[in-house]
Amino acid sequence: MSVPKPPPGHFTLLYFASATSFTRRSHDFFPAPVLLSQLYNAVEKKYPGIQEKVLSSSALTVNLDYVDVEEESQKDEGGLVIQAGDEVAVIPPAVFYTAGSSL
């Protein structure tokens, strides 16, 4: 997957699996800087319902490092700040099927 560079003053938000299905996109660009603790609200505003159906059970990476959104939100000053040029990814949990289960 080749994602274009974000416009100046923006970061890239990548979607995978059910996040891609929900948004019908592989990526978006959002203005930066933004507190990680405010990211889900910004995505929810653009895609109503995504917080409950996708984000609440997904992992999140910032520049390929996994982050704990809840932990970051509780830090002084609001925690991690996503900067212009950063790459953030929403990684929903994998769904595993056992032999004999229907898809």
C-alpha atoms as a PDB file:
ATOM      1  CA  MET A   1       0.000   0.000   0.000  1.00  0.00           C
ATOM      2  CA  SER A   2       1.500   3.289  -1.067  1.00  0.00           C
ATOM      3  CA  VAL A   3       0.180   6.279   0.826  1.00  0.00           C
ATOM      4  CA  PRO A   4       0.962   9.795  -0.375  1.00  0.00           C
ATOM      5  CA  LYS A   5       2.717  12.184   1.985  1.00  0.00           C
ATOM      6  CA  PRO A   6       0.374  14.295   4.080  1.00  0.00           C
ATOM      7  CA  PRO A   7      -0.076  17.947   3.202  1.00  0.00           C
ATOM      8  CA  PRO A   8       1.977  20.394   5.283  1.00  0.00           C
ATOM      9  CA  GLY A   9       0.670  20.650   8.844  1.00  0.00           C
ATOM     10  CA  HIS A  10      -1.085  17.245   8.714  1.00  0.00           C
ATOM     11  CA  PHE A  11      -0.464  13.648   9.753  1.00  0.00           C
ATOM     12  CA  THR A  12      -1.545  10.410   8.089  1.00  0.00           C
ATOM     13  CA  LEU A  13      -4.095   8.105   9.707  1.00  0.00           C
ATOM     14  CA  LEU A  14      -4.013   4.590   8.228  1.00  0.00           C
ATOM     15  CA  TYR A  15      -6.961   2.219   8.451  1.00  0.00           C
ATOM     16  CA  PHE A  16      -6.776  -1.568   8.406  1.00  0.00           C
ATOM     17  CA  ALA A  17      -9.341  -4.403   8.333  1.00  0.00           C
ATOM     18  CA  SER A  18     -12.686  -3.341   9.838  1.00  0.00           C
ATOM     19  CA  ALA A  19     -11.506   0.279  10.071  1.00  0.00           C
ATOM     20  CA  THR A  20     -11.087   0.259   6.283  1.00  0.00           C
ATOM     21  CA  SER A  21     -14.507  -1.344   5.860  1.00  0.00           C
ATOM     22  CA  PHE A  22     -16.125   1.251   8.120  1.00  0.00           C
ATOM     23  CA  THR A  23     -14.490   4.318   6.539  1.00  0.00           C
ATOM     24  CA  ARG A  24     -14.247   2.889   3.008  1.00  0.00           C
ATOM     25  CA  ARG A  25     -10.785   4.404   2.889  1.00  0.00           C
ATOM     26  CA  SER A  26      -7.255   3.180   3.479  1.00  0.00           C
ATOM     27  CA  HIS A  27      -6.111   6.503   4.949  1.00  0.00           C
ATOM     28  CA  ASP A  28      -6.988  10.078   5.834  1.00  0.00           C
ATOM     29  CA  PHE A  29      -5.039  13.200   6.630  1.00  0.00           C
ATOM     30  CA  PHE A  30      -5.793  15.162   9.801  1.00  0.00           C
ATOM     31  CA  PRO A  31      -4.439  18.524  10.975  1.00  0.00           C
ATOM     32  CA  ALA A  32      -1.518  18.449  13.418  1.00  0.00           C
ATOM     33  CA  PRO A  33      -0.538  18.879  16.128  1.00  0.00           C
ATOM     34  CA  VAL A  34      -3.263  17.051  18.043  1.00  0.00           C
ATOM     35  CA  LEU A  35      -3.246  15.306  21.378  1.00  0.00           C
ATOM     36  CA  LEU A  36      -3.552  11.551  21.049  1.00  0.00           C
ATOM     37  CA  SER A  37      -6.335  11.791  23.633  1.00  0.00           C
ATOM     38  CA  GLN A  38      -8.343  13.917  21.166  1.00  0.00           C
ATOM     39  CA  LEU A  39      -7.755  11.765  18.096  1.00  0.00           C
ATOM     40  CA  TYR A  40     -10.721   9.428  18.552  1.00  0.00           C
ATOM     41  CA  ASN A  41     -13.086  12.397  18.869  1.00  0.00           C
ATOM     42  CA  ALA A  42     -11.781  13.825  15.595  1.00  0.00           C
ATOM     43  CA  VAL A  43     -12.225  10.491  13.807  1.00  0.00           C
ATOM     44  CA  GLU A  44     -15.689  10.003  15.356  1.00  0.00           C
ATOM     45  CA  LYS A  45     -16.715  13.435  14.068  1.00  0.00           C
ATOM     46  CA  LYS A  46     -15.759  12.428  10.529  1.00  0.00           C
ATOM     47  CA  TYR A  47     -17.145   8.867  10.790  1.00  0.00           C
ATOM     48  CA  PRO A  48     -20.026   8.752  13.312  1.00  0.00           C
ATOM     49  CA  GLY A  49     -20.203   5.409  15.104  1.00  0.00           C
ATOM     50  CA  ILE A  50     -16.593   4.374  14.476  1.00  0.00           C
ATOM     51  CA  GLN A  51     -15.555   4.851  18.101  1.00  0.00           C
ATOM     52  CA  GLU A  52     -17.941   2.208  19.407  1.00  0.00           C
ATOM     53  CA  LYS A  53     -17.787  -0.190  16.465  1.00  0.00           C
ATOM     54  CA  VAL A  54     -14.059  -0.092  15.641  1.00  0.00           C
ATOM     55  CA  LEU A  55     -11.823   2.174  17.709  1.00  0.00           C
ATOM     56  CA  SER A  56     -12.835   0.914  21.155  1.00  0.00           C
ATOM     57  CA  SER A  57     -11.388  -2.530  20.378  1.00  0.00           C
ATOM     58  CA  SER A  58      -8.472  -1.488  18.160  1.00  0.00           C
ATOM     59  CA  ALA A  59      -4.779  -1.022  18.781  1.00  0.00           C
ATOM     60  CA  LEU A  60      -3.118   2.213  17.721  1.00  0.00           C
ATOM     61  CA  THR A  61       0.417   2.887  16.527  1.00  0.00           C
ATOM     62  CA  VAL A  62       2.223   6.176  16.130  1.00  0.00           C
ATOM     63  CA  ASN A  63       5.233   5.954  13.846  1.00  0.00           C
ATOM     64  CA  LEU A  64       5.122   2.142  14.152  1.00  0.00           C
ATOM     65  CA  ASP A  65       5.163   2.153  17.974  1.00  0.00           C
ATOM     66  CA  TYR A  66       2.106   0.802  19.774  1.00  0.00           C
ATOM     67  CA  VAL A  67       0.548   3.312  22.170  1.00  0.00           C
ATOM     68  CA  ASP A  68      -1.983   2.936  24.964  1.00  0.00           C
ATOM     69  CA  VAL A  69      -4.635   5.562  24.216  1.00  0.00           C
ATOM     70  CA  GLU A  70      -6.238   5.289  27.657  1.00  0.00           C
ATOM     71  CA  GLU A  71      -2.916   5.600  29.465  1.00  0.00           C
ATOM     72  CA  GLU A  72      -1.840   8.567  27.329  1.00  0.00           C
ATOM     73  CA  SER A  73      -5.152  10.318  27.992  1.00  0.00           C
ATOM     74  CA  GLN A  74      -4.529  10.183  31.750  1.00  0.00           C
ATOM     75  CA  LYS A  75      -1.085  11.799  31.608  1.00  0.00           C
ATOM     76  CA  ASP A  76      -0.458  15.400  32.606  1.00  0.00           C
ATOM     77  CA  GLU A  77      -0.842  17.814  29.710  1.00  0.00           C
ATOM     78  CA  GLY A  78      -2.939  15.227  27.822  1.00  0.00           C
ATOM     79  CA  GLY A  79      -0.106  12.866  26.884  1.00  0.00           C
ATOM     80  CA  LEU A  80       1.409  12.204  23.482  1.00  0.00           C
ATOM     81  CA  VAL A  81       1.086  14.875  20.804  1.00  0.00           C
ATOM     82  CA  ILE A  82       0.744  13.717  17.192  1.00  0.00           C
ATOM     83  CA  GLN A  83       2.910  15.953  15.033  1.00  0.00           C
ATOM     84  CA  ALA A  84       2.789  16.948  11.371  1.00  0.00           C
ATOM     85  CA  GLY A  85       4.266  14.193   9.229  1.00  0.00           C
ATOM     86  CA  ASP A  86       3.540  11.436  11.769  1.00  0.00           C
ATOM     87  CA  GLU A  87       1.968   8.165  10.666  1.00  0.00           C
ATOM     88  CA  VAL A  88      -0.779   6.786  12.898  1.00  0.00           C
ATOM     89  CA  ALA A  89      -2.466   3.433  12.282  1.00  0.00           C
ATOM     90  CA  VAL A  90      -5.733   1.957  13.536  1.00  0.00           C
ATOM     91  CA  ILE A  91      -5.269  -1.792  13.867  1.00  0.00           C
ATOM     92  CA  PRO A  92      -8.463  -3.689  14.688  1.00  0.00           C
ATOM     93  CA  PRO A  93      -8.191  -7.068  16.386  1.00  0.00           C
ATOM     94  CA  ALA A  94      -7.797 -10.055  14.112  1.00  0.00           C
ATOM     95  CA  VAL A  95     -10.731 -12.387  13.765  1.00  0.00           C
ATOM     96  CA  PHE A  96      -9.743 -16.013  13.971  1.00  0.00           C
ATOM     97  CA  TYR A  97     -11.884 -18.836  12.683  1.00  0.00           C
ATOM     98  CA  THR A  98     -11.627 -22.387  13.872  1.00  0.00           C
ATOM     99  CA  ALA A  99     -12.041 -25.411  11.650  1.00  0.00           C
ATOM    100  CA  GLY A 100     -15.684 -26.001  10.931  1.00  0.00           C
ATOM    101  CA  SER A 101     -16.816 -22.434  11.650  1.00  0.00           C
ATOM    102  CA  SER A 102     -18.618 -20.558   8.938  1.00  0.00           C
ATOM    103  CA  LEU A 103     -17.362 -17.278   7.566  1.00  0.00           C
END
